[in-house]
PDB file of N, CA and C in Angstrom:
ATOM      1  N   UNK A   1       3.764 200.818-172.379  1.00  0.00           N
ATOM      2  CA  UNK A   1       5.008 201.605-172.268  1.00  0.00           C
ATOM      3  C   UNK A   1       5.990 200.634-171.874  1.00  0.00           C
ATOM      4  N   UNK A   2       7.012 200.344-172.684  1.00  0.00           N
ATOM      5  CA  UNK A   2       8.063 199.430-172.230  1.00  0.00           C
ATOM      6  C   UNK A   2       7.357 198.014-172.068  1.00  0.00           C
ATOM      7  N   UNK A   3       7.377 197.545-170.755  1.00  0.00           N
ATOM      8  CA  UNK A   3       6.803 196.275-170.436  1.00  0.00           C
ATOM      9  C   UNK A   3       5.548 196.399-169.697  1.00  0.00           C
ATOM     10  N   UNK A   4       4.950 197.623-169.632  1.00  0.00           N
ATOM     11  CA  UNK A   4       3.671 197.839-168.904  1.00  0.00           C
ATOM     12  C   UNK A   4       2.573 198.066-169.792  1.00  0.00           C
ATOM     13  N   UNK A   5       1.382 197.476-169.560  1.00  0.00           N
ATOM     14  CA  UNK A   5       0.162 197.857-170.255  1.00  0.00           C
ATOM     15  C   UNK A   5      -0.416 199.114-169.566  1.00  0.00           C
ATOM     16  N   UNK A   6      -0.687 200.138-170.376  1.00  0.00           N
ATOM     17  CA  UNK A   6      -1.159 201.377-169.883  1.00  0.00           C
ATOM     18  C   UNK A   6      -2.649 201.680-170.244  1.00  0.00           C
ATOM     19  N   UNK A   7      -3.187 200.897-171.053  1.00  0.00           N
ATOM     20  CA  UNK A   7      -4.550 201.129-171.474  1.00  0.00           C
ATOM     21  C   UNK A   7      -5.028 200.064-172.410  1.00  0.00           C
ATOM     22  N   UNK A   8      -6.178 200.355-173.094  1.00  0.00           N
ATOM     23  CA  UNK A   8      -6.681 199.390-173.995  1.00  0.00           C
ATOM     24  C   UNK A   8      -7.581 200.179-175.066  1.00  0.00           C
ATOM     25  N   UNK A   9      -7.788 199.541-176.190  1.00  0.00           N
ATOM     26  CA  UNK A   9      -8.617 200.098-177.292  1.00  0.00           C
ATOM     27  C   UNK A   9      -9.708 199.141-177.634  1.00  0.00           C
ATOM     28  N   UNK A  10     -10.765 199.654-178.145  1.00  0.00           N
ATOM     29  CA  UNK A  10     -11.815 198.838-178.816  1.00  0.00           C
ATOM     30  C   UNK A  10     -11.969 199.255-180.221  1.00  0.00           C
ATOM     31  N   UNK A  11     -11.190 198.581-181.145  1.00  0.00           N
ATOM     32  CA  UNK A  11     -11.074 199.060-182.599  1.00  0.00           C
ATOM     33  C   UNK A  11     -12.131 198.342-183.497  1.00  0.00           C
ATOM     34  N   UNK A  12     -12.524 198.987-184.435  1.00  0.00           N
ATOM     35  CA  UNK A  12     -13.320 198.437-185.565  1.00  0.00           C
ATOM     36  C   UNK A  12     -12.725 198.989-186.811  1.00  0.00           C
ATOM     37  N   UNK A  13     -12.698 198.042-187.861  1.00  0.00           N
ATOM     38  CA  UNK A  13     -12.203 198.525-189.148  1.00  0.00           C
ATOM     39  C   UNK A  13     -13.296 198.725-190.049  1.00  0.00           C
ATOM     40  N   UNK A  14     -13.371 199.893-190.657  1.00  0.00           N
ATOM     41  CA  UNK A  14     -14.364 200.243-191.670  1.00  0.00           C
ATOM     42  C   UNK A  14     -13.561 200.024-193.099  1.00  0.00           C
ATOM     43  N   UNK A  15     -13.750 198.811-193.541  1.00  0.00           N
ATOM     44  CA  UNK A  15     -13.031 198.520-194.826  1.00  0.00           C
ATOM     45  C   UNK A  15     -13.495 199.269-196.007  1.00  0.00           C
ATOM     46  N   UNK A  16     -14.811 199.625-196.101  1.00  0.00           N
ATOM     47  CA  UNK A  16     -15.304 200.439-197.203  1.00  0.00           C
ATOM     48  C   UNK A  16     -14.596 201.792-197.250  1.00  0.00           C
ATOM     49  N   UNK A  17     -14.251 202.372-196.155  1.00  0.00           N
ATOM     50  CA  UNK A  17     -13.604 203.731-196.220  1.00  0.00           C
ATOM     51  C   UNK A  17     -12.190 203.640-195.778  1.00  0.00           C
ATOM     52  N   UNK A  18     -11.576 202.450-195.726  1.00  0.00           N
ATOM     53  CA  UNK A  18     -10.227 202.190-195.221  1.00  0.00           C
ATOM     54  C   UNK A  18      -9.898 203.096-193.947  1.00  0.00           C
ATOM     55  N   UNK A  19     -10.757 202.938-192.964  1.00  0.00           N
ATOM     56  CA  UNK A  19     -10.673 203.755-191.787  1.00  0.00           C
ATOM     57  C   UNK A  19     -10.723 202.911-190.559  1.00  0.00           C
ATOM     58  N   UNK A  20      -9.835 203.086-189.593  1.00  0.00           N
ATOM     59  CA  UNK A  20      -9.874 202.493-188.339  1.00  0.00           C
ATOM     60  C   UNK A  20     -10.636 203.360-187.419  1.00  0.00           C
ATOM     61  N   UNK A  21     -11.718 202.698-186.837  1.00  0.00           N
ATOM     62  CA  UNK A  21     -12.604 203.527-185.921  1.00  0.00           C
ATOM     63  C   UNK A  21     -12.215 202.857-184.426  1.00  0.00           C
ATOM     64  N   UNK A  22     -11.761 203.750-183.547  1.00  0.00           N
ATOM     65  CA  UNK A  22     -11.463 203.337-182.254  1.00  0.00           C
ATOM     66  C   UNK A  22     -12.779 203.806-181.450  1.00  0.00           C
ATOM     67  N   UNK A  23     -13.516 202.852-181.082  1.00  0.00           N
ATOM     68  CA  UNK A  23     -14.707 203.183-180.301  1.00  0.00           C
ATOM     69  C   UNK A  23     -14.398 203.609-178.965  1.00  0.00           C
ATOM     70  N   UNK A  24     -13.376 203.119-178.316  1.00  0.00           N
ATOM     71  CA  UNK A  24     -12.840 203.477-177.027  1.00  0.00           C
ATOM     72  C   UNK A  24     -11.335 203.351-176.928  1.00  0.00           C
ATOM     73  N   UNK A  25     -10.700 204.457-176.523  1.00  0.00           N
ATOM     74  CA  UNK A  25      -9.279 204.412-176.112  1.00  0.00           C
ATOM     75  C   UNK A  25      -9.272 204.807-174.765  1.00  0.00           C
ATOM     76  N   UNK A  26      -8.848 203.798-173.840  1.00  0.00           N
ATOM     77  CA  UNK A  26      -8.873 203.987-172.378  1.00  0.00           C
ATOM     78  C   UNK A  26      -7.614 203.737-171.776  1.00  0.00           C
ATOM     79  N   UNK A  27      -7.176 204.843-171.050  1.00  0.00           N
ATOM     80  CA  UNK A  27      -5.840 204.596-170.285  1.00  0.00           C
ATOM     81  C   UNK A  27      -6.135 204.234-168.872  1.00  0.00           C
ATOM     82  N   UNK A  28      -5.273 203.568-168.242  1.00  0.00           N
ATOM     83  CA  UNK A  28      -5.304 203.188-166.851  1.00  0.00           C
ATOM     84  C   UNK A  28      -5.306 204.471-166.009  1.00  0.00           C
ATOM     85  N   UNK A  29      -6.025 204.468-164.773  1.00  0.00           N
ATOM     86  CA  UNK A  29      -6.225 205.700-164.025  1.00  0.00           C
ATOM     87  C   UNK A  29      -4.896 206.240-163.499  1.00  0.00           C
ATOM     88  N   UNK A  30      -3.915 205.380-163.301  1.00  0.00           N
ATOM     89  CA  UNK A  30      -2.589 205.748-162.731  1.00  0.00           C
ATOM     90  C   UNK A  30      -1.650 206.492-163.876  1.00  0.00           C
ATOM     91  N   UNK A  31      -2.057 206.423-165.111  1.00  0.00           N
ATOM     92  CA  UNK A  31      -1.218 206.939-166.175  1.00  0.00           C
ATOM     93  C   UNK A  31      -1.262 208.495-166.124  1.00  0.00           C
ATOM     94  N   UNK A  32       0.028 209.061-166.092  1.00  0.00           N
ATOM     95  CA  UNK A  32       0.129 210.461-166.146  1.00  0.00           C
ATOM     96  C   UNK A  32       0.435 210.921-167.591  1.00  0.00           C
ATOM     97  N   UNK A  33      -0.399 211.701-168.098  1.00  0.00           N
ATOM     98  CA  UNK A  33      -0.233 212.201-169.446  1.00  0.00           C
ATOM     99  C   UNK A  33       0.862 213.274-169.589  1.00  0.00           C
ATOM    100  N   UNK A  34       1.683 213.142-170.644  1.00  0.00           N
ATOM    101  CA  UNK A  34       2.653 214.033-170.948  1.00  0.00           C
ATOM    102  C   UNK A  34       2.887 214.085-172.464  1.00  0.00           C
ATOM    103  N   UNK A  35       3.543 215.027-173.004  1.00  0.00           N
ATOM    104  CA  UNK A  35       3.808 215.050-174.493  1.00  0.00           C
ATOM    105  C   UNK A  35       4.501 213.847-175.032  1.00  0.00           C
ATOM    106  N   UNK A  36       5.423 213.268-174.356  1.00  0.00           N
ATOM    107  CA  UNK A  36       6.115 212.114-174.825  1.00  0.00           C
ATOM    108  C   UNK A  36       5.219 210.858-174.830  1.00  0.00           C
ATOM    109  N   UNK A  37       4.431 210.730-173.909  1.00  0.00           N
ATOM    110  CA  UNK A  37       3.363 209.657-173.823  1.00  0.00           C
ATOM    111  C   UNK A  37       2.374 209.818-174.977  1.00  0.00           C
ATOM    112  N   UNK A  38       1.933 211.028-175.224  1.00  0.00           N
ATOM    113  CA  UNK A  38       0.949 211.215-176.249  1.00  0.00           C
ATOM    114  C   UNK A  38       1.513 210.980-177.713  1.00  0.00           C
ATOM    115  N   UNK A  39       2.804 211.301-177.839  1.00  0.00           N
ATOM    116  CA  UNK A  39       3.454 211.063-179.136  1.00  0.00           C
ATOM    117  C   UNK A  39       3.600 209.555-179.358  1.00  0.00           C
ATOM    118  N   UNK A  40       4.010 208.837-178.235  1.00  0.00           N
ATOM    119  CA  UNK A  40       4.084 207.350-178.373  1.00  0.00           C
ATOM    120  C   UNK A  40       2.698 206.676-178.618  1.00  0.00           C
ATOM    121  N   UNK A  41       1.749 207.187-177.965  1.00  0.00           N
ATOM    122  CA  UNK A  41       0.389 206.650-178.263  1.00  0.00           C
ATOM    123  C   UNK A  41      -0.068 206.796-179.681  1.00  0.00           C
ATOM    124  N   UNK A  42       0.176 208.103-180.135  1.00  0.00           N
ATOM    125  CA  UNK A  42      -0.176 208.403-181.557  1.00  0.00           C
ATOM    126  C   UNK A  42       0.582 207.555-182.489  1.00  0.00           C
ATOM    127  N   UNK A  43       1.882 207.321-182.329  1.00  0.00           N
ATOM    128  CA  UNK A  43       2.661 206.414-183.142  1.00  0.00           C
ATOM    129  C   UNK A  43       2.151 204.996-183.140  1.00  0.00           C
ATOM    130  N   UNK A  44       1.832 204.464-182.003  1.00  0.00           N
ATOM    131  CA  UNK A  44       1.307 203.107-181.878  1.00  0.00           C
ATOM    132  C   UNK A  44      -0.043 202.935-182.599  1.00  0.00           C
ATOM    133  N   UNK A  45      -0.937 203.867-182.329  1.00  0.00           N
ATOM    134  CA  UNK A  45      -2.269 203.844-183.042  1.00  0.00           C
ATOM    135  C   UNK A  45      -2.118 203.934-184.539  1.00  0.00           C
ATOM    136  N   UNK A  46      -1.121 204.753-185.065  1.00  0.00           N
ATOM    137  CA  UNK A  46      -0.911 204.923-186.474  1.00  0.00           C
ATOM    138  C   UNK A  46      -0.335 203.560-187.010  1.00  0.00           C
ATOM    139  N   UNK A  47       0.539 202.993-186.275  1.00  0.00           N
ATOM    140  CA  UNK A  47       1.188 201.740-186.670  1.00  0.00           C
ATOM    141  C   UNK A  47       0.135 200.606-186.765  1.00  0.00           C
ATOM    142  N   UNK A  48      -0.752 200.492-185.802  1.00  0.00           N
ATOM    143  CA  UNK A  48      -1.849 199.599-185.672  1.00  0.00           C
ATOM    144  C   UNK A  48      -2.715 199.782-186.880  1.00  0.00           C
ATOM    145  N   UNK A  49      -3.117 201.012-187.197  1.00  0.00           N
ATOM    146  CA  UNK A  49      -3.947 201.293-188.383  1.00  0.00           C
ATOM    147  C   UNK A  49      -3.232 200.904-189.630  1.00  0.00           C
ATOM    148  N   UNK A  50      -2.023 201.159-189.767  1.00  0.00           N
ATOM    149  CA  UNK A  50      -1.290 200.885-191.059  1.00  0.00           C
ATOM    150  C   UNK A  50      -1.303 199.345-191.257  1.00  0.00           C
ATOM    151  N   UNK A  51      -1.014 198.620-190.173  1.00  0.00           N
ATOM    152  CA  UNK A  51      -0.973 197.102-190.272  1.00  0.00           C
ATOM    153  C   UNK A  51      -2.292 196.541-190.718  1.00  0.00           C
ATOM    154  N   UNK A  52      -3.340 197.307-190.517  1.00  0.00           N
ATOM    155  CA  UNK A  52      -4.705 196.725-190.846  1.00  0.00           C
ATOM    156  C   UNK A  52      -5.191 197.375-192.132  1.00  0.00           C
ATOM    157  N   UNK A  53      -4.358 198.148-192.811  1.00  0.00           N
ATOM    158  CA  UNK A  53      -4.656 198.737-194.071  1.00  0.00           C
ATOM    159  C   UNK A  53      -5.578 200.032-193.993  1.00  0.00           C
ATOM    160  N   UNK A  54      -5.545 200.670-192.867  1.00  0.00           N
ATOM    161  CA  UNK A  54      -6.353 201.865-192.652  1.00  0.00           C
ATOM    162  C   UNK A  54      -5.555 203.092-193.132  1.00  0.00           C
ATOM    163  N   UNK A  55      -6.208 204.011-193.830  1.00  0.00           N
ATOM    164  CA  UNK A  55      -5.606 205.224-194.311  1.00  0.00           C
ATOM    165  C   UNK A  55      -5.917 206.427-193.280  1.00  0.00           C
ATOM    166  N   UNK A  56      -6.907 206.155-192.521  1.00  0.00           N
ATOM    167  CA  UNK A  56      -7.172 207.250-191.548  1.00  0.00           C
ATOM    168  C   UNK A  56      -7.743 206.623-190.250  1.00  0.00           C
ATOM    169  N   UNK A  57      -7.666 207.395-189.138  1.00  0.00           N
ATOM    170  CA  UNK A  57      -8.092 206.886-187.785  1.00  0.00           C
ATOM    171  C   UNK A  57      -9.109 207.917-187.248  1.00  0.00           C
ATOM    172  N   UNK A  58     -10.248 207.349-186.700  1.00  0.00           N
ATOM    173  CA  UNK A  58     -11.244 208.100-185.920  1.00  0.00           C
ATOM    174  C   UNK A  58     -11.341 207.578-184.602  1.00  0.00           C
ATOM    175  N   UNK A  59     -11.139 208.484-183.541  1.00  0.00           N
ATOM    176  CA  UNK A  59     -11.410 207.950-182.222  1.00  0.00           C
ATOM    177  C   UNK A  59     -12.716 208.669-181.648  1.00  0.00           C
ATOM    178  N   UNK A  60     -13.588 207.765-181.231  1.00  0.00           N
ATOM    179  CA  UNK A  60     -14.849 208.225-180.834  1.00  0.00           C
ATOM    180  C   UNK A  60     -14.921 208.567-179.364  1.00  0.00           C
ATOM    181  N   UNK A  61     -14.504 207.808-178.514  1.00  0.00           N
ATOM    182  CA  UNK A  61     -14.528 207.995-177.103  1.00  0.00           C
ATOM    183  C   UNK A  61     -13.170 207.725-176.423  1.00  0.00           C
ATOM    184  N   UNK A  62     -12.762 208.595-175.473  1.00  0.00           N
ATOM    185  CA  UNK A  62     -11.590 208.359-174.712  1.00  0.00           C
ATOM    186  C   UNK A  62     -11.823 208.433-173.137  1.00  0.00           C
ATOM    187  N   UNK A  63     -11.057 207.749-172.542  1.00  0.00           N
ATOM    188  CA  UNK A  63     -10.959 207.843-171.041  1.00  0.00           C
ATOM    189  C   UNK A  63      -9.474 208.007-170.686  1.00  0.00           C
ATOM    190  N   UNK A  64      -9.083 209.114-170.244  1.00  0.00           N
ATOM    191  CA  UNK A  64      -9.854 210.262-169.660  1.00  0.00           C
ATOM    192  C   UNK A  64     -10.516 211.017-170.970  1.00  0.00           C
ATOM    193  N   UNK A  65     -11.604 211.577-170.607  1.00  0.00           N
ATOM    194  CA  UNK A  65     -12.417 212.332-171.586  1.00  0.00           C
ATOM    195  C   UNK A  65     -11.574 213.473-172.294  1.00  0.00           C
ATOM    196  N   UNK A  66     -11.729 213.552-173.575  1.00  0.00           N
ATOM    197  CA  UNK A  66     -11.116 214.643-174.180  1.00  0.00           C
ATOM    198  C   UNK A  66      -9.718 214.512-174.663  1.00  0.00           C
ATOM    199  N   UNK A  67      -9.159 213.277-174.483  1.00  0.00           N
ATOM    200  CA  UNK A  67      -7.787 212.857-174.826  1.00  0.00           C
ATOM    201  C   UNK A  67      -7.701 213.057-176.295  1.00  0.00           C
ATOM    202  N   UNK A  68      -6.688 213.871-176.688  1.00  0.00           N
ATOM    203  CA  UNK A  68      -6.391 214.144-178.063  1.00  0.00           C
ATOM    204  C   UNK A  68      -5.018 213.516-178.503  1.00  0.00           C
ATOM    205  N   UNK A  69      -5.048 212.800-179.597  1.00  0.00           N
ATOM    206  CA  UNK A  69      -3.800 212.251-180.057  1.00  0.00           C
ATOM    207  C   UNK A  69      -3.334 213.080-181.192  1.00  0.00           C
TER     208      UNK A  69
END
């Protein structure tokens, strides 16, 4: 966010199905979730997927658990 790293992803591209699989989306423990942050994360994940030719995104595991984009 801005000039701060707030987390990391472990992405895999399933080229056969044009799908980006995020094995892990992990936010730093100090990050406070709010609707604005979730919208920004969703936008960035979609942008990342698009740059890699993915038509859909699957998130397998998140930290914190149950994080929904």
